[in-house]
Structure formats: structure tokens, C-alpha cells
Amino acid sequence: MDDICQRYHSMDFIEEDGITFVVFYDEKGTLVAKHEIPHQDVTEAIRLNGENN
């Protein structure tokens, strides 16, 4: 986890054409990584988070 923190300064979630991505930026605001999040994983995370509220 420390390795990830050193490489990425911030992250954001975006949606393009119905696909959700998590994007990572370095300390200069430069995009360094973009990964697709399958919808089933997003739905499951929302469901689990809702159960804990």
C-alpha cells in the first residue's frame, strides 16, 4: 500500500459511455493510471455500503 501512496497523489471516479473508471493522478495532476471497474463490483460495493449505514 505504501508503494501505491508514493506513486499516486489523488484519484477520482469517472463514467464514460456507461463504463465506470477509477483514475489516478501524480502530485503534478498528471494522469498516471486509468482502470475500468466492472459494474457488478460497483453495484456490490454500493449494496454492502448501504447495509452498513
C-alpha atoms as a PDB file:
ATOM      1  CA  MET A   1       0.000   0.000   0.000  1.00  0.00           C
ATOM      2  CA  ASP A   2       2.873   2.406   0.704  1.00  0.00           C
ATOM      3  CA  ASP A   3       4.072   1.879  -2.871  1.00  0.00           C
ATOM      4  CA  ILE A   4       0.668   2.971  -4.206  1.00  0.00           C
ATOM      5  CA  CYS A   5       0.641   6.067  -1.981  1.00  0.00           C
ATOM      6  CA  GLN A   6       4.055   7.086  -3.285  1.00  0.00           C
ATOM      7  CA  ARG A   7       3.026   6.757  -6.952  1.00  0.00           C
ATOM      8  CA  TYR A   8      -0.413   8.382  -6.764  1.00  0.00           C
ATOM      9  CA  HIS A   9      -1.335  11.714  -5.254  1.00  0.00           C
ATOM     10  CA  SER A  10      -5.085  11.596  -5.886  1.00  0.00           C
ATOM     11  CA  MET A  11      -7.782   9.525  -7.533  1.00  0.00           C
ATOM     12  CA  ASP A  12     -11.236  10.078  -8.959  1.00  0.00           C
ATOM     13  CA  PHE A  13     -14.097   8.047 -10.377  1.00  0.00           C
ATOM     14  CA  ILE A  14     -15.431   8.898 -13.821  1.00  0.00           C
ATOM     15  CA  GLU A  15     -18.012   7.421 -16.166  1.00  0.00           C
ATOM     16  CA  GLU A  16     -17.560   7.269 -19.924  1.00  0.00           C
ATOM     17  CA  ASP A  17     -20.119   5.648 -22.227  1.00  0.00           C
ATOM     18  CA  GLY A  18     -21.711   3.789 -19.300  1.00  0.00           C
ATOM     19  CA  ILE A  19     -18.370   2.414 -18.062  1.00  0.00           C
ATOM     20  CA  THR A  20     -17.009   3.423 -14.653  1.00  0.00           C
ATOM     21  CA  PHE A  21     -13.272   4.061 -14.292  1.00  0.00           C
ATOM     22  CA  VAL A  22     -11.017   4.930 -11.397  1.00  0.00           C
ATOM     23  CA  VAL A  23      -8.266   7.344 -12.454  1.00  0.00           C
ATOM     24  CA  PHE A  24      -5.054   8.106 -10.566  1.00  0.00           C
ATOM     25  CA  TYR A  25      -3.017  11.299 -10.734  1.00  0.00           C
ATOM     26  CA  ASP A  26       0.511  12.139  -9.591  1.00  0.00           C
ATOM     27  CA  GLU A  27       1.388  15.176  -7.462  1.00  0.00           C
ATOM     28  CA  LYS A  28       1.514  17.363 -10.593  1.00  0.00           C
ATOM     29  CA  GLY A  29      -2.032  16.428 -11.607  1.00  0.00           C
ATOM     30  CA  THR A  30      -0.868  14.246 -14.482  1.00  0.00           C
ATOM     31  CA  LEU A  31      -2.998  11.181 -15.222  1.00  0.00           C
ATOM     32  CA  VAL A  32      -0.857   8.125 -14.487  1.00  0.00           C
ATOM     33  CA  ALA A  33      -3.361   5.241 -14.482  1.00  0.00           C
ATOM     34  CA  LYS A  34      -6.945   4.502 -15.504  1.00  0.00           C
ATOM     35  CA  HIS A  35      -8.717   1.253 -14.652  1.00  0.00           C
ATOM     36  CA  GLU A  36     -12.201   0.041 -15.516  1.00  0.00           C
ATOM     37  CA  ILE A  37     -14.402  -1.047 -12.647  1.00  0.00           C
ATOM     38  CA  PRO A  38     -16.883  -3.741 -13.687  1.00  0.00           C
ATOM     39  CA  HIS A  39     -20.464  -2.680 -12.910  1.00  0.00           C
ATOM     40  CA  GLN A  40     -21.150  -5.753 -10.809  1.00  0.00           C
ATOM     41  CA  ASP A  41     -18.323  -4.708  -8.454  1.00  0.00           C
ATOM     42  CA  VAL A  42     -19.694  -1.158  -8.172  1.00  0.00           C
ATOM     43  CA  THR A  43     -23.213  -2.422  -7.516  1.00  0.00           C
ATOM     44  CA  GLU A  44     -21.981  -4.856  -4.887  1.00  0.00           C
ATOM     45  CA  ALA A  45     -19.937  -2.159  -3.129  1.00  0.00           C
ATOM     46  CA  ILE A  46     -22.932   0.179  -3.040  1.00  0.00           C
ATOM     47  CA  ARG A  47     -25.153  -2.589  -1.701  1.00  0.00           C
ATOM     48  CA  LEU A  48     -22.665  -3.523   1.012  1.00  0.00           C
ATOM     49  CA  ASN A  49     -22.080   0.100   1.966  1.00  0.00           C
ATOM     50  CA  GLY A  50     -25.833   0.685   2.220  1.00  0.00           C
ATOM     51  CA  GLU A  51     -26.193  -2.236   4.602  1.00  0.00           C
ATOM     52  CA  ASN A  52     -23.680  -0.672   6.999  1.00  0.00           C
ATOM     53  CA  ASN A  53     -25.454   2.708   7.203  1.00  0.00           C
END
